C-alpha cells in the first residue's frame, strides 16, 4: 500500500498545471523570470486570473491525494511520510518536463493541508507572514529580493517543524517537517546561495 500510494502521489504531484496554463496563454514559463514553471511566473506572464488558477491547481494536486489517503485510513503514522514526500518530489522532478520541475511551494502547502486539515499550512502561512514583516522592518520597507524570499520559505519550514514538535504533533508529522525542509532547501538552493553571499558581502562592508 505504501508503494501504491507513493506512486500515485508522485504522479499527481507531477502534473504541471501552471506550466500547461502558461502554454494555453501563449507563454512558455521557462522563458519567464527565473524559468521556474510555477504559479508565480504564470502570474507574472499571464496575469492574476491564470496565476490564481495555477496556485489553486498546484495546491489541490498536493492536497487531494494526501487528504484522500488520511481520510481512507489505508495508511497512518510513518506510512504517510513517503506518499507525502512523493507529491512534492513529483512537482520538483516532473517526468512531464523531463525531470525539471518547480520549487514546490504551492504543492507543499497542499500536502500539509491534506495531512493536517489545514492546521499546519495555516501555521506555515503565519510564520511566513511574520518573517516577511520582519524583513520589511529590517530593510525599512524596501522590497525583498528573490534570494531573501527563498531563505524565508526554507527557514519558515524549519520553524514550522519546531512548532509541530513543541505543539505535540506525532513523530511522523515532525519527521515530515524535516523532509519538507530538506526538499524546499534543495528546490531553493540557488536562492540560498545568493542569500548567503549577500549576507557575507554586507558583513564585509
Protein backbone atom coordinates (compact mmCIF):
# COMPACT_ATOMS: atom_id res chain seq x y z
CA UNK A 1 0.00 0.00 0.00
CA UNK A 2 2.85 2.40 0.73
CA UNK A 3 4.36 1.79 -2.72
CA UNK A 4 1.00 2.18 -4.48
CA UNK A 5 0.13 5.42 -2.72
CA UNK A 6 3.66 6.77 -3.16
CA UNK A 7 3.49 6.22 -6.92
CA UNK A 8 0.01 7.74 -7.14
CA UNK A 9 1.08 10.78 -5.10
CA UNK A 10 4.17 11.26 -7.26
CA UNK A 11 2.12 11.12 -10.46
CA UNK A 12 -0.43 13.54 -9.06
CA UNK A 13 2.30 15.95 -7.96
CA UNK A 14 3.99 15.72 -11.35
CA UNK A 15 1.02 17.29 -13.18
CA UNK A 16 2.42 20.70 -14.16
CA UNK A 17 -0.79 22.69 -14.26
CA UNK A 18 0.85 26.13 -14.12
CA UNK A 19 3.18 25.30 -16.99
CA UNK A 20 0.32 24.00 -19.11
CA UNK A 21 -1.85 27.01 -18.32
CA UNK A 22 1.06 29.18 -19.41
CA UNK A 23 1.18 27.40 -22.75
CA UNK A 24 -2.57 27.87 -23.05
CA UNK A 25 -1.97 31.61 -22.62
CA UNK A 26 0.87 31.51 -25.19
CA UNK A 27 3.62 31.85 -22.57
CA UNK A 28 6.45 29.39 -22.02
CA UNK A 29 7.23 29.76 -18.33
CA UNK A 30 10.75 28.51 -18.97
CA UNK A 31 11.36 31.88 -20.65
CA UNK A 32 9.86 33.96 -17.82
CA UNK A 33 11.86 35.31 -14.88
CA UNK A 34 13.97 32.58 -13.33
CA UNK A 35 12.48 29.93 -15.63
CA UNK A 36 10.53 28.25 -12.85
CA UNK A 37 7.42 26.54 -14.31
CA UNK A 38 5.28 27.50 -11.33
CA UNK A 39 2.34 29.71 -10.48
CA UNK A 40 4.36 32.85 -9.68
CA UNK A 41 5.85 33.05 -13.16
CA UNK A 42 2.43 32.20 -14.56
CA UNK A 43 1.02 35.18 -12.66
CA UNK A 44 3.81 37.44 -13.95
CA UNK A 45 3.38 36.41 -17.56
CA UNK A 46 -0.35 35.76 -17.97
CA UNK A 47 -1.97 37.82 -15.21
CA UNK A 48 -3.66 37.20 -11.90
CA UNK A 49 -6.54 35.06 -13.19
CA UNK A 50 -4.19 32.48 -14.66
CA UNK A 51 -1.89 32.83 -11.65
CA UNK A 52 -4.65 32.14 -9.15
CA UNK A 53 -5.80 29.15 -11.19
CA UNK A 54 -2.24 27.81 -11.21
CA UNK A 55 -1.88 28.27 -7.45
CA UNK A 56 -5.21 26.54 -6.80
CA UNK A 57 -4.44 23.57 -9.04
CA UNK A 58 -0.89 23.15 -7.71
CA UNK A 59 -2.30 23.30 -4.19
CA UNK A 60 -5.01 20.74 -4.95
CA UNK A 61 -2.65 18.24 -6.56
CA UNK A 62 -0.79 18.11 -3.24
CA UNK A 63 -3.84 18.25 -1.01
CA UNK A 64 -6.17 15.80 -2.78
CA UNK A 65 -4.11 12.59 -2.62
CA UNK A 66 -2.98 13.16 0.98
CA UNK A 67 -6.45 14.14 2.13
CA UNK A 68 -7.88 11.01 0.49
CA UNK A 69 -5.15 8.86 1.99
CA UNK A 70 -5.58 10.27 5.50
CA UNK A 71 -9.38 10.00 5.28
CA UNK A 72 -9.33 6.43 3.99
CA UNK A 73 -7.17 5.16 6.83
CA UNK A 74 -5.27 2.99 4.35
CA UNK A 75 -2.03 4.29 5.82
CA UNK A 76 -1.26 6.10 9.04
CA UNK A 77 1.68 7.39 11.05
CA UNK A 78 5.05 6.95 9.41
CA UNK A 79 3.38 5.24 6.46
CA UNK A 80 2.19 8.68 5.31
CA UNK A 81 5.68 10.19 5.05
CA UNK A 82 6.72 8.62 1.72
CA UNK A 83 3.47 9.41 -0.17
CA UNK A 84 3.54 12.96 1.21
CA UNK A 85 7.14 13.49 0.10
CA UNK A 86 6.36 11.88 -3.27
CA UNK A 87 3.75 14.52 -4.13
CA UNK A 88 6.34 17.27 -3.63
CA UNK A 89 9.04 15.32 -5.47
CA UNK A 90 6.65 14.81 -8.38
CA UNK A 91 6.41 18.58 -8.81
CA UNK A 92 10.14 19.11 -8.39
CA UNK A 93 11.14 16.37 -10.83
CA UNK A 94 8.14 16.10 -13.12
CA UNK A 95 8.53 13.49 -15.87
CA UNK A 96 6.28 15.73 -17.99
CA UNK A 97 9.13 18.28 -18.03
CA UNK A 98 11.95 15.74 -18.25
CA UNK A 99 12.67 16.00 -14.54
CA UNK A 100 12.88 19.79 -14.49
CA UNK A 101 10.02 20.82 -12.26
CA UNK A 102 9.28 23.74 -9.97
CA UNK A 103 10.10 24.94 -6.48
CA UNK A 104 7.08 23.25 -4.90
CA UNK A 105 5.74 25.97 -2.61
CA UNK A 106 2.04 25.65 -3.51
CA UNK A 107 2.11 21.85 -3.61
CA UNK A 108 3.86 21.81 -0.21
CA UNK A 109 1.04 23.89 1.25
CA UNK A 110 -1.39 21.42 -0.31
CA UNK A 111 0.31 18.36 1.13
CA UNK A 112 0.40 19.84 4.62
CA UNK A 113 -3.26 20.83 4.31
CA UNK A 114 -4.23 17.30 3.32
CA UNK A 115 -2.23 15.79 6.16
CA UNK A 116 -3.32 18.09 8.97
CA UNK A 117 -6.67 19.51 7.90
CA UNK A 118 -5.11 22.90 7.08
CA UNK A 119 -3.72 23.36 10.61
CA UNK A 120 -0.02 23.11 9.70
CA UNK A 121 -0.38 25.01 6.42
CA UNK A 122 -2.11 27.86 8.25
CA UNK A 123 0.69 27.93 10.84
CA UNK A 124 3.24 27.97 7.99
CA UNK A 125 1.44 30.89 6.34
CA UNK A 126 1.51 32.82 9.63
CA UNK A 127 5.23 32.10 10.06
CA UNK A 128 6.00 33.28 6.52
CA UNK A 129 3.95 36.44 7.04
CA UNK A 130 5.87 37.17 10.26
CA UNK A 131 9.21 36.60 8.52
CA UNK A 132 8.18 38.89 5.67
CA UNK A 133 7.07 41.60 8.09
CA UNK A 134 10.35 41.31 9.98
CA UNK A 135 12.30 41.52 6.75
CA UNK A 136 10.42 44.63 5.67
CA UNK A 137 11.16 46.29 9.01
CA UNK A 138 14.83 45.36 8.71
CA UNK A 139 15.07 46.76 5.17
CA UNK A 140 12.89 49.77 6.06
CA UNK A 141 10.09 48.85 3.72
CA UNK A 142 12.21 48.07 0.67
CA UNK A 143 11.06 45.12 -1.49
CA UNK A 144 12.75 41.87 -0.60
CA UNK A 145 15.00 40.08 -3.07
CA UNK A 146 14.22 36.67 -4.54
CA UNK A 147 17.16 35.32 -2.54
CA UNK A 148 15.67 36.64 0.71
CA UNK A 149 12.25 35.28 -0.23
CA UNK A 150 13.74 31.84 -0.84
CA UNK A 151 15.53 31.95 2.51
CA UNK A 152 12.26 32.81 4.26
CA UNK A 153 10.44 29.90 2.61
CA UNK A 154 13.09 27.44 3.78
CA UNK A 155 13.62 28.96 7.23
CA UNK A 156 9.86 29.11 7.70
CA UNK A 157 9.56 25.36 7.18
CA UNK A 158 12.26 24.75 9.78
CA UNK A 159 10.39 26.99 12.22
CA UNK A 160 7.14 25.15 11.43
CA UNK A 161 8.83 21.84 12.20
CA UNK A 162 9.95 23.20 15.56
CA UNK A 163 6.42 24.39 16.25
CA UNK A 164 4.97 20.97 15.39
CA UNK A 165 7.39 19.30 17.80
CA UNK A 166 6.57 21.73 20.64
CA UNK A 167 2.84 21.54 19.95
CA UNK A 168 2.86 17.78 20.45
CA UNK A 169 2.28 16.57 16.90
CA UNK A 170 3.19 12.97 16.13
CA UNK A 171 6.73 11.87 15.41
CA UNK A 172 5.72 11.11 11.82
CA UNK A 173 4.44 14.65 11.31
CA UNK A 174 7.62 16.15 12.77
CA UNK A 175 9.71 13.84 10.57
CA UNK A 176 7.83 15.02 7.50
CA UNK A 177 8.56 18.57 8.62
CA UNK A 178 12.28 17.85 8.34
CA UNK A 179 11.70 16.13 4.99
CA UNK A 180 9.81 19.18 3.70
CA UNK A 181 12.60 21.42 4.96
CA UNK A 182 15.16 19.38 3.04
CA UNK A 183 13.10 19.37 -0.15
CA UNK A 184 12.49 23.12 -0.04
CA UNK A 185 16.16 23.76 0.73
CA UNK A 186 17.07 21.78 -2.38
CA UNK A 187 14.50 23.44 -4.64
CA UNK A 188 15.65 26.88 -3.38
CA UNK A 189 19.36 26.07 -3.30
CA UNK A 190 20.27 28.85 -5.75
CA UNK A 191 18.37 31.44 -3.70
CA UNK A 192 20.04 30.21 -0.51
CA UNK A 193 23.49 30.53 -2.08
CA UNK A 194 22.74 34.08 -3.23
CA UNK A 195 21.31 35.00 0.15
CA UNK A 196 24.38 33.72 2.00
CA UNK A 197 26.62 35.57 -0.46
CA UNK A 198 24.65 38.76 0.18
CA UNK A 199 24.96 38.31 3.93
CA UNK A 200 28.71 37.75 3.67
CA UNK A 201 29.09 40.78 1.40
CA UNK A 202 27.17 43.00 3.81
CA UNK A 203 29.36 41.84 6.69
CA UNK A 204 32.47 42.67 4.69
CA UNK A 205 31.47 46.29 4.23
